[in-house]
Every structure is written in C-alpha cells, then in structure tokens.
C-alpha cells in the first residue's frame, strides 16, 4: 500500500511541475513627485508608462 501511495504522490508532483505556468504580471514601483509635479525614480529604476497610461518606475535591466 505504501508503494502505491508513493507512486501516486510522485506522479502528482511530476504532473504539477509540468503544468502550464501563468505569465507573471509585472510589479511596478510608484514614482516620487517633487513640488512642481515632476516624477522621479530611485536608483536602479527608470520612468516608464504602462499600457493604461500610468507613470511607473520600471527596474533597469542589464
């Protein structure tokens, strides 16, 4: 009985690992604004605009 249970668990783990993964949604950082309303990002981020038209800080890729 233990062997059947172990085989069943191993099959379930393999099937779960091979299942189709969802595309991750990007997480953006909100920019900081000065008194004039100019947006800026901290080091390692750059200003970007999303498809919805929001101004966000996007990580700089190398």
N, C-alpha and C. Protein backbone atom coordinates (compact mmCIF):
# COMPACT_ATOMS: atom_id res chain seq x y z
N UNK A 1 0.82 -1.19 0.00
CA UNK A 1 0.00 0.00 0.00
C UNK A 1 0.86 1.26 0.00
N UNK A 2 1.97 1.22 0.77
CA UNK A 2 2.85 2.38 0.83
C UNK A 2 3.49 2.65 -0.53
N UNK A 3 3.82 1.60 -1.27
CA UNK A 3 4.45 1.76 -2.58
C UNK A 3 3.47 2.41 -3.56
N UNK A 4 2.20 2.00 -3.51
CA UNK A 4 1.20 2.60 -4.39
C UNK A 4 1.00 4.08 -4.05
N UNK A 5 0.97 4.39 -2.77
CA UNK A 5 0.80 5.79 -2.34
C UNK A 5 1.99 6.64 -2.77
N UNK A 6 3.21 6.11 -2.64
CA UNK A 6 4.41 6.83 -3.05
C UNK A 6 4.41 7.06 -4.56
N UNK A 7 4.00 6.06 -5.33
CA UNK A 7 3.94 6.20 -6.79
C UNK A 7 2.89 7.23 -7.18
N UNK A 8 1.76 7.22 -6.50
CA UNK A 8 0.72 8.20 -6.77
C UNK A 8 1.19 9.62 -6.46
N UNK A 9 1.86 9.79 -5.34
CA UNK A 9 2.39 11.11 -4.96
C UNK A 9 3.45 11.58 -5.95
N UNK A 10 4.32 10.68 -6.38
CA UNK A 10 5.36 11.05 -7.34
C UNK A 10 4.73 11.47 -8.67
N UNK A 11 3.71 10.77 -9.10
CA UNK A 11 3.01 11.13 -10.33
C UNK A 11 2.35 12.50 -10.20
N UNK A 12 1.74 12.76 -9.06
CA UNK A 12 1.09 14.05 -8.84
C UNK A 12 2.11 15.19 -8.85
N UNK A 13 3.27 14.96 -8.26
CA UNK A 13 4.32 16.00 -8.24
C UNK A 13 4.83 16.27 -9.66
N UNK A 14 5.03 15.23 -10.43
CA UNK A 14 5.51 15.40 -11.81
C UNK A 14 4.48 16.15 -12.65
N UNK A 15 3.21 15.79 -12.52
CA UNK A 15 2.17 16.47 -13.28
C UNK A 15 2.03 17.93 -12.86
N UNK A 16 2.16 18.22 -11.59
CA UNK A 16 2.07 19.60 -11.12
C UNK A 16 3.25 20.42 -11.64
N UNK A 17 4.42 19.83 -11.68
CA UNK A 17 5.61 20.54 -12.16
C UNK A 17 5.53 20.81 -13.66
N UNK A 18 4.89 19.94 -14.40
CA UNK A 18 4.80 20.08 -15.85
C UNK A 18 3.59 20.89 -16.30
N UNK A 19 2.73 21.27 -15.38
CA UNK A 19 1.54 22.03 -15.77
C UNK A 19 1.95 23.40 -16.30
N UNK A 20 1.09 23.97 -17.12
CA UNK A 20 1.40 25.25 -17.75
C UNK A 20 1.38 26.37 -16.70
N UNK A 21 2.44 27.15 -16.73
CA UNK A 21 2.58 28.25 -15.77
C UNK A 21 1.98 29.52 -16.35
N UNK A 22 1.41 30.35 -15.48
CA UNK A 22 0.88 31.64 -15.91
C UNK A 22 2.01 32.63 -16.10
N UNK A 23 1.81 33.54 -17.03
CA UNK A 23 2.78 34.62 -17.24
C UNK A 23 2.71 35.55 -16.03
N UNK A 24 3.86 35.83 -15.41
CA UNK A 24 3.83 36.71 -14.24
C UNK A 24 3.48 38.14 -14.63
N UNK A 25 2.70 38.79 -13.79
CA UNK A 25 2.37 40.19 -14.04
C UNK A 25 3.44 41.05 -13.39
N UNK A 26 3.92 42.05 -14.10
CA UNK A 26 4.99 42.89 -13.54
C UNK A 26 4.48 43.72 -12.36
N UNK A 27 5.36 43.91 -11.39
CA UNK A 27 5.05 44.75 -10.24
C UNK A 27 5.88 46.02 -10.39
N UNK A 28 5.20 47.14 -10.43
CA UNK A 28 5.87 48.41 -10.63
C UNK A 28 5.95 49.18 -9.31
N UNK A 29 6.94 50.06 -9.22
CA UNK A 29 7.11 50.94 -8.07
C UNK A 29 6.56 52.30 -8.46
N UNK A 30 5.86 52.93 -7.54
CA UNK A 30 5.31 54.25 -7.82
C UNK A 30 6.42 55.30 -7.74
N UNK A 31 6.46 56.23 -8.69
CA UNK A 31 7.49 57.27 -8.66
C UNK A 31 7.19 58.29 -7.56
N UNK A 32 8.22 59.02 -7.16
CA UNK A 32 8.01 60.11 -6.22
C UNK A 32 7.96 61.41 -7.03
N UNK A 33 7.20 62.37 -6.55
CA UNK A 33 6.98 63.62 -7.26
C UNK A 33 7.51 64.78 -6.43
N UNK A 34 8.12 65.76 -7.10
CA UNK A 34 8.57 66.95 -6.40
C UNK A 34 7.45 67.99 -6.38
N UNK A 35 7.74 69.19 -5.87
CA UNK A 35 6.71 70.22 -5.73
C UNK A 35 6.14 70.70 -7.07
N UNK A 36 6.93 70.59 -8.14
CA UNK A 36 6.46 71.00 -9.46
C UNK A 36 5.69 69.89 -10.16
N UNK A 37 5.64 68.71 -9.58
CA UNK A 37 4.91 67.60 -10.18
C UNK A 37 5.75 66.72 -11.09
N UNK A 38 7.07 66.88 -11.05
CA UNK A 38 7.97 66.07 -11.87
C UNK A 38 8.21 64.72 -11.20
N UNK A 39 8.04 63.66 -11.94
CA UNK A 39 8.23 62.31 -11.40
C UNK A 39 9.69 61.92 -11.45
N UNK A 40 10.13 61.17 -10.45
CA UNK A 40 11.50 60.64 -10.45
C UNK A 40 11.48 59.28 -9.75
N UNK A 41 12.49 58.47 -10.09
CA UNK A 41 12.60 57.13 -9.53
C UNK A 41 13.91 57.00 -8.76
N UNK A 42 13.94 56.06 -7.84
CA UNK A 42 15.16 55.81 -7.08
C UNK A 42 16.17 55.08 -7.97
N UNK A 43 17.39 54.91 -7.46
CA UNK A 43 18.46 54.26 -8.22
C UNK A 43 18.05 52.84 -8.58
N UNK A 44 18.35 52.44 -9.80
CA UNK A 44 18.01 51.11 -10.28
C UNK A 44 16.67 51.03 -10.99
N UNK A 45 15.96 52.16 -11.07
CA UNK A 45 14.67 52.22 -11.73
C UNK A 45 14.65 53.36 -12.73
N UNK A 46 13.81 53.23 -13.75
CA UNK A 46 13.64 54.29 -14.74
C UNK A 46 12.16 54.54 -14.95
N UNK A 47 11.82 55.75 -15.35
CA UNK A 47 10.41 56.09 -15.58
C UNK A 47 9.90 55.34 -16.80
N UNK A 48 8.68 54.87 -16.71
CA UNK A 48 8.03 54.17 -17.81
C UNK A 48 6.54 54.46 -17.75
N UNK A 49 5.85 54.21 -18.85
CA UNK A 49 4.41 54.39 -18.91
C UNK A 49 3.78 53.04 -19.25
N UNK A 50 2.77 52.65 -18.49
CA UNK A 50 2.09 51.39 -18.74
C UNK A 50 1.13 51.54 -19.91
N UNK A 51 0.56 50.42 -20.34
CA UNK A 51 -0.42 50.45 -21.43
C UNK A 51 -1.66 51.26 -21.04
N UNK A 52 -1.93 51.33 -19.74
CA UNK A 52 -3.08 52.08 -19.26
C UNK A 52 -2.78 53.57 -19.12
N UNK A 53 -1.53 53.97 -19.37
CA UNK A 53 -1.16 55.38 -19.32
C UNK A 53 -0.66 55.85 -17.97
N UNK A 54 -0.39 54.94 -17.05
CA UNK A 54 0.14 55.31 -15.74
C UNK A 54 1.64 55.47 -15.80
N UNK A 55 2.17 56.45 -15.06
CA UNK A 55 3.60 56.63 -14.96
C UNK A 55 4.09 55.78 -13.78
N UNK A 56 5.07 54.91 -14.04
CA UNK A 56 5.59 53.99 -13.03
C UNK A 56 7.11 53.95 -13.12
N UNK A 57 7.73 53.37 -12.11
CA UNK A 57 9.17 53.13 -12.12
C UNK A 57 9.40 51.66 -12.45
N UNK A 58 10.15 51.43 -13.52
CA UNK A 58 10.42 50.10 -14.02
C UNK A 58 11.86 49.74 -13.70
N UNK A 59 12.15 48.52 -13.20
CA UNK A 59 13.53 48.15 -12.92
C UNK A 59 14.40 48.20 -14.18
N UNK A 60 15.61 48.69 -14.03
CA UNK A 60 16.56 48.77 -15.15
C UNK A 60 17.14 47.38 -15.35
N UNK A 61 17.04 46.86 -16.57
CA UNK A 61 17.63 45.56 -16.89
C UNK A 61 18.97 45.76 -17.56
N UNK A 62 19.87 44.85 -17.28
CA UNK A 62 21.22 44.99 -17.86
C UNK A 62 21.46 43.97 -18.92
